Protein backbone atom coordinates (compact mmCIF):
# COMPACT_ATOMS: atom_id res chain seq x y z
CA UNK A 1 0.44 24.01 -20.08
CA UNK A 2 -2.11 21.35 -18.93
CA UNK A 3 -3.28 21.20 -15.22
CA UNK A 4 -0.93 18.53 -14.10
CA UNK A 5 2.09 19.90 -16.15
CA UNK A 6 5.75 18.43 -14.11
CA UNK A 7 3.31 15.91 -11.95
CA UNK A 8 4.12 12.22 -11.54
CA UNK A 9 0.93 9.67 -10.91
CA UNK A 10 0.71 5.74 -10.19
CA UNK A 11 -2.62 4.23 -11.05
CA UNK A 12 -2.84 1.20 -10.08
CA UNK A 13 -5.48 -1.21 -11.92
CA UNK A 14 -4.45 1.36 -14.84
CA UNK A 15 -4.47 -0.94 -17.89
CA UNK A 16 -8.19 -0.73 -18.43
CA UNK A 17 -11.87 0.58 -17.58
CA UNK A 18 -11.88 3.71 -15.15
CA UNK A 19 -7.82 3.65 -14.47
CA UNK A 20 -7.04 3.50 -18.23
CA UNK A 21 -9.37 6.42 -18.49
CA UNK A 22 -7.61 8.35 -15.59
CA UNK A 23 -4.56 7.84 -17.09
CA UNK A 24 -5.63 9.18 -20.64
CA UNK A 25 -6.91 12.21 -18.80
CA UNK A 26 -3.88 12.80 -16.85
CA UNK A 27 -1.32 12.38 -19.51
CA UNK A 28 -3.48 14.88 -21.51
CA UNK A 29 -2.70 17.36 -18.52
CA UNK A 30 0.38 17.04 -19.16
CA UNK A 31 1.41 14.34 -16.28
CA UNK A 32 4.04 11.50 -16.38
CA UNK A 33 2.11 8.32 -15.59
CA UNK A 34 2.57 4.95 -14.38
CA UNK A 35 -0.11 2.81 -14.95
CA UNK A 36 -0.35 -0.86 -13.12
CA UNK A 37 -1.33 -4.17 -13.80
CA UNK A 38 -0.77 -8.15 -13.83
CA UNK A 39 -0.83 -8.56 -17.50
CA UNK A 40 2.25 -7.05 -19.26
CA UNK A 41 0.40 -7.56 -22.70
CA UNK A 42 -2.20 -6.18 -21.86
CA UNK A 43 -0.21 -3.43 -20.70
CA UNK A 44 1.52 -2.76 -24.36
CA UNK A 45 -1.98 -2.75 -25.54
CA UNK A 46 -3.07 -0.02 -23.47
CA UNK A 47 0.27 2.34 -23.30
CA UNK A 48 -0.08 2.08 -27.28
CA UNK A 49 -3.58 3.14 -27.04
CA UNK A 50 -2.31 5.98 -24.80
CA UNK A 51 0.66 6.99 -27.39
CA UNK A 52 2.08 9.30 -24.99
CA UNK A 53 6.18 8.16 -25.40
CA UNK A 54 7.89 8.27 -22.63
CA UNK A 55 5.65 9.44 -20.42
CA UNK A 56 3.91 6.55 -19.52
CA UNK A 57 5.55 3.85 -17.87
CA UNK A 58 3.91 0.38 -16.75
CA UNK A 59 5.12 -1.69 -13.51
CA UNK A 60 3.37 -5.23 -13.03
CA UNK A 61 2.41 -6.18 -9.56
CA UNK A 62 -0.53 -8.14 -8.41
CA UNK A 63 -2.23 -5.60 -5.60
CA UNK A 64 -3.22 -8.07 -3.21
CA UNK A 65 0.66 -8.56 -2.01
CA UNK A 66 2.25 -6.48 0.31
CA UNK A 67 5.40 -5.96 -1.44
CA UNK A 68 3.86 -5.97 -4.87
CA UNK A 69 2.20 -2.23 -3.63
CA UNK A 70 4.94 -1.41 -2.21
CA UNK A 71 6.99 -1.76 -5.21
CA UNK A 72 4.76 0.04 -7.57
CA UNK A 73 5.10 3.07 -5.60
CA UNK A 74 8.99 2.75 -4.94
CA UNK A 75 9.20 1.72 -8.91
CA UNK A 76 7.19 4.81 -9.96
CA UNK A 77 9.96 7.10 -7.91
CA UNK A 78 13.03 5.54 -9.30
CA UNK A 79 11.34 5.74 -13.22
CA UNK A 80 10.34 9.39 -12.72
CA UNK A 81 12.20 10.99 -9.81
CA UNK A 82 9.15 10.90 -7.60
CA UNK A 83 5.51 10.68 -7.18
CA UNK A 84 3.17 13.24 -6.75
CA UNK A 85 -0.18 11.85 -7.08
CA UNK A 86 -1.51 8.41 -6.48
CA UNK A 87 -4.49 6.76 -7.89
CA UNK A 88 -5.22 3.22 -5.80
CA UNK A 89 -7.43 1.90 -8.36
CA UNK A 90 -7.52 -1.29 -8.78
CA UNK A 91 -10.20 -3.77 -6.99
CA UNK A 92 -13.28 -5.24 -7.23
CA UNK A 93 -15.65 -8.10 -5.68
CA UNK A 94 -15.90 -11.88 -6.18
CA UNK A 95 -17.39 -15.04 -4.46
CA UNK A 96 -20.67 -13.24 -3.70
CA UNK A 97 -22.87 -14.61 -1.38
CA UNK A 98 -25.42 -13.51 1.42
CA UNK A 99 -23.64 -12.71 4.92
CA UNK A 100 -24.86 -16.08 6.60
CA UNK A 101 -23.25 -18.04 3.91
CA UNK A 102 -19.96 -15.38 3.33
CA UNK A 103 -16.56 -17.60 4.17
CA UNK A 104 -13.67 -16.08 5.37
CA UNK A 105 -11.87 -16.41 2.30
CA UNK A 106 -14.11 -14.28 0.28
CA UNK A 107 -13.97 -11.64 2.84
CA UNK A 108 -10.56 -11.67 2.94
CA UNK A 109 -10.44 -11.66 -0.66
CA UNK A 110 -12.49 -8.26 -1.11
CA UNK A 111 -10.21 -6.88 1.64
CA UNK A 112 -7.10 -7.45 0.22
CA UNK A 113 -8.07 -6.75 -3.20
CA UNK A 114 -10.00 -3.02 -2.17
CA UNK A 115 -8.79 -2.02 1.39
CA UNK A 116 -5.37 -3.18 1.99
CA UNK A 117 -4.06 -2.43 -1.49
CA UNK A 118 -5.27 1.01 -0.87
CA UNK A 119 -3.98 1.64 2.60
CA UNK A 120 -0.28 -0.34 1.35
CA UNK A 121 -0.22 1.82 -1.43
CA UNK A 122 -1.27 5.11 0.59
CA UNK A 123 1.14 4.60 3.01
CA UNK A 124 4.29 4.49 0.70
CA UNK A 125 3.01 7.08 -1.16
CA UNK A 126 2.57 9.37 1.98
CA UNK A 127 5.84 8.72 2.80
CA UNK A 128 7.57 10.17 -0.44
CA UNK A 129 4.91 13.51 -0.31
CA UNK A 130 4.93 14.31 3.25
CA UNK A 131 8.69 15.51 2.92
CA UNK A 132 8.13 17.62 -0.24
CA UNK A 133 4.66 19.16 1.44
CA UNK A 134 2.70 17.82 -1.77
CA UNK A 135 0.42 15.47 -2.72
CA UNK A 136 -2.66 14.16 -4.00
CA UNK A 137 -4.12 10.91 -2.96
CA UNK A 138 -7.77 9.91 -4.63
CA UNK A 139 -8.86 6.29 -3.76
CA UNK A 140 -11.10 4.26 -6.00
CA UNK A 141 -14.30 3.96 -3.23
CA UNK A 142 -17.97 2.73 -5.15
CA UNK A 143 -21.19 4.17 -4.29
CA UNK A 144 -21.71 1.19 -1.96
CA UNK A 145 -19.31 2.78 0.16
CA UNK A 146 -22.38 4.94 1.01
CA UNK A 147 -24.97 2.66 0.76
CA UNK A 148 -25.26 -1.74 0.73
CA UNK A 149 -26.97 -3.95 -1.37
CA UNK A 150 -27.47 -7.42 -0.41
CA UNK A 151 -25.32 -10.07 -1.39
CA UNK A 152 -22.29 -7.87 -1.93
CA UNK A 153 -21.26 -7.26 1.86
CA UNK A 154 -17.43 -8.18 1.24
CA UNK A 155 -17.18 -5.44 -1.42
CA UNK A 156 -19.28 -3.06 0.37
CA UNK A 157 -17.56 -3.48 3.73
CA UNK A 158 -14.12 -2.97 2.01
CA UNK A 159 -15.40 0.13 0.31
CA UNK A 160 -16.78 1.74 3.23
CA UNK A 161 -13.08 0.81 4.91
CA UNK A 162 -11.55 2.80 2.25
CA UNK A 163 -13.91 6.22 3.01
CA UNK A 164 -13.13 5.83 6.82
CA UNK A 165 -9.12 5.57 5.98
CA UNK A 166 -9.17 8.64 3.52
CA UNK A 167 -10.90 10.93 6.03
CA UNK A 168 -8.57 10.14 8.81
CA UNK A 169 -5.95 10.27 6.82
CA UNK A 170 -6.80 13.44 5.37
CA UNK A 171 -6.95 14.86 8.80
CA UNK A 172 -3.42 13.87 9.42
CA UNK A 173 -1.68 15.52 6.33
CA UNK A 174 -4.23 18.59 5.71
CA UNK A 175 -1.65 21.01 6.92
CA UNK A 176 0.88 19.31 4.80
CA UNK A 177 -0.54 20.53 1.24
CA UNK A 178 -1.41 17.11 0.97
CA UNK A 179 -5.16 16.16 0.15
CA UNK A 180 -7.04 12.55 0.39
CA UNK A 181 -10.06 12.08 -1.31
CA UNK A 182 -12.31 9.09 -2.57
CA UNK A 183 -14.60 8.72 -5.24
CA UNK A 184 -17.79 6.63 -5.18
CA UNK A 185 -18.59 5.94 -8.86
CA UNK A 186 -21.86 4.44 -9.36
CA UNK A 187 -21.95 1.32 -11.76
CA UNK A 188 -19.72 1.50 -14.93
CA UNK A 189 -19.76 -1.42 -17.47
CA UNK A 190 -16.28 -1.93 -17.28
CA UNK A 191 -14.83 -5.26 -18.02
CA UNK A 192 -14.40 -6.00 -14.36
CA UNK A 193 -18.02 -5.51 -13.90
CA UNK A 194 -18.46 -7.74 -17.33
CA UNK A 195 -16.24 -10.34 -15.71
CA UNK A 196 -17.78 -10.35 -12.27
CA UNK A 197 -21.25 -8.83 -12.80
CA UNK A 198 -22.97 -12.00 -13.58
CA UNK A 199 -21.97 -13.88 -10.16
CA UNK A 200 -23.27 -10.86 -8.29
CA UNK A 201 -26.40 -10.98 -10.10
CA UNK A 202 -27.08 -14.66 -9.51
CA UNK A 203 -26.49 -14.06 -5.57
CA UNK A 204 -29.41 -11.37 -6.26
CA UNK A 205 -31.63 -13.55 -7.97
CA UNK A 206 -31.27 -10.76 -11.06
CA UNK A 207 -29.79 -11.88 -14.35
CA UNK A 208 -26.93 -9.98 -15.70
CA UNK A 209 -29.01 -7.29 -18.01
CA UNK A 210 -31.72 -7.08 -14.66
CA UNK A 211 -28.71 -5.94 -12.31
CA UNK A 212 -27.33 -3.51 -15.07
CA UNK A 213 -31.14 -1.95 -15.10
CA UNK A 214 -31.41 -2.37 -11.20
CA UNK A 215 -28.22 0.18 -11.03
CA UNK A 216 -29.50 2.43 -13.60
CA UNK A 217 -32.80 2.47 -11.73
CA UNK A 218 -31.47 3.38 -8.55
CA UNK A 219 -30.04 6.87 -9.75
CA UNK A 220 -31.93 9.84 -10.51
CA UNK A 221 -30.26 10.01 -14.54
CA UNK A 222 -31.79 6.49 -15.34
CA UNK A 223 -28.32 5.16 -16.70
CA UNK A 224 -25.23 3.73 -15.80
CA UNK A 225 -22.22 6.39 -15.59
CA UNK A 226 -18.84 6.03 -18.02
CA UNK A 227 -15.38 6.01 -17.24
CA UNK A 228 -14.71 9.36 -18.15
CA UNK A 229 -17.29 10.92 -15.68
CA UNK A 230 -14.69 9.67 -13.30
CA UNK A 231 -11.56 10.73 -14.61
CA UNK A 232 -13.01 14.37 -15.29
CA UNK A 233 -13.44 14.59 -11.55
CA UNK A 234 -9.75 12.96 -10.63
CA UNK A 235 -8.42 15.68 -12.71
CA UNK A 236 -9.94 18.50 -10.71
CA UNK A 237 -8.99 16.35 -7.42
CA UNK A 238 -5.19 15.79 -8.70
CA UNK A 239 -4.70 19.44 -9.70
CA UNK A 240 -4.04 22.64 -7.85
CA UNK A 241 -7.84 23.56 -8.13
CA UNK A 242 -8.39 20.82 -6.12
CA UNK A 243 -6.37 21.93 -3.20
CA UNK A 244 -9.65 22.39 -0.90
CA UNK A 245 -11.19 19.08 -1.47
CA UNK A 246 -9.89 17.15 0.97
CA UNK A 247 -11.57 14.12 3.56
CA UNK A 248 -14.31 13.92 0.87
CA UNK A 249 -16.16 10.90 -0.32
CA UNK A 250 -17.33 12.41 -4.21
CA UNK A 251 -20.12 10.59 -5.68
CA UNK A 252 -20.17 9.90 -9.58
CA UNK A 253 -23.25 7.91 -9.67
CA UNK A 254 -25.80 9.87 -11.22
CA UNK A 255 -27.99 10.46 -7.81
CA UNK A 256 -27.53 6.93 -6.49
CA UNK A 257 -26.42 7.54 -2.90
CA UNK A 258 -28.51 9.34 -0.25
CA UNK A 259 -25.57 11.46 0.58
């Protein structure tokens, strides 16, 4: 039996990158998994690649919309009969600028995509986990949730907010068999990075390749991480073996962050 045999997991942004890697790792450990995304055609390709039959299910939804976030969680419960593990993974950044030139709309977009979606799905999932006395929430933060870089303050602020939310929630449900943690990856060249990285690089006065090299140079290992590095940690946090880890912001960044 796998470490997650009999568990039901819901992963937002699960059709690619880190989310897809976590879905694959959870399925390998025996879980049933819901993946969320906005593109049903892309999701089908991802589901085919997972080759897990009826143990994987897709729910469409835009995580910037509260009703969609709630529907993703409730749809998981309806399809598989419950929810044990929530991974609010979807997110990113856009419209990068220095603070003096940051628009309200850009800041609000980052907060919706990263923080609010995490809050909405966490709230919905906790209302199912608390009555049964078991649950795992693994929020996707970032190395930038512990640090900061110029011209990406909207992304940095939203990831710091996720960390604070997880710390408080962990204190609230710590005696209820539920753990709440955030993982903080360093830079990984996912599809999202390829799409959004050039804009961030330009705002910092760098080329895209220069941005990747900067992230690598900032680490102790002098290279970028990969999605599987994050998935391995997610399995630990989702399992019974992770019961003693809660309220933690776990760096998976090759030694980039100072704490």
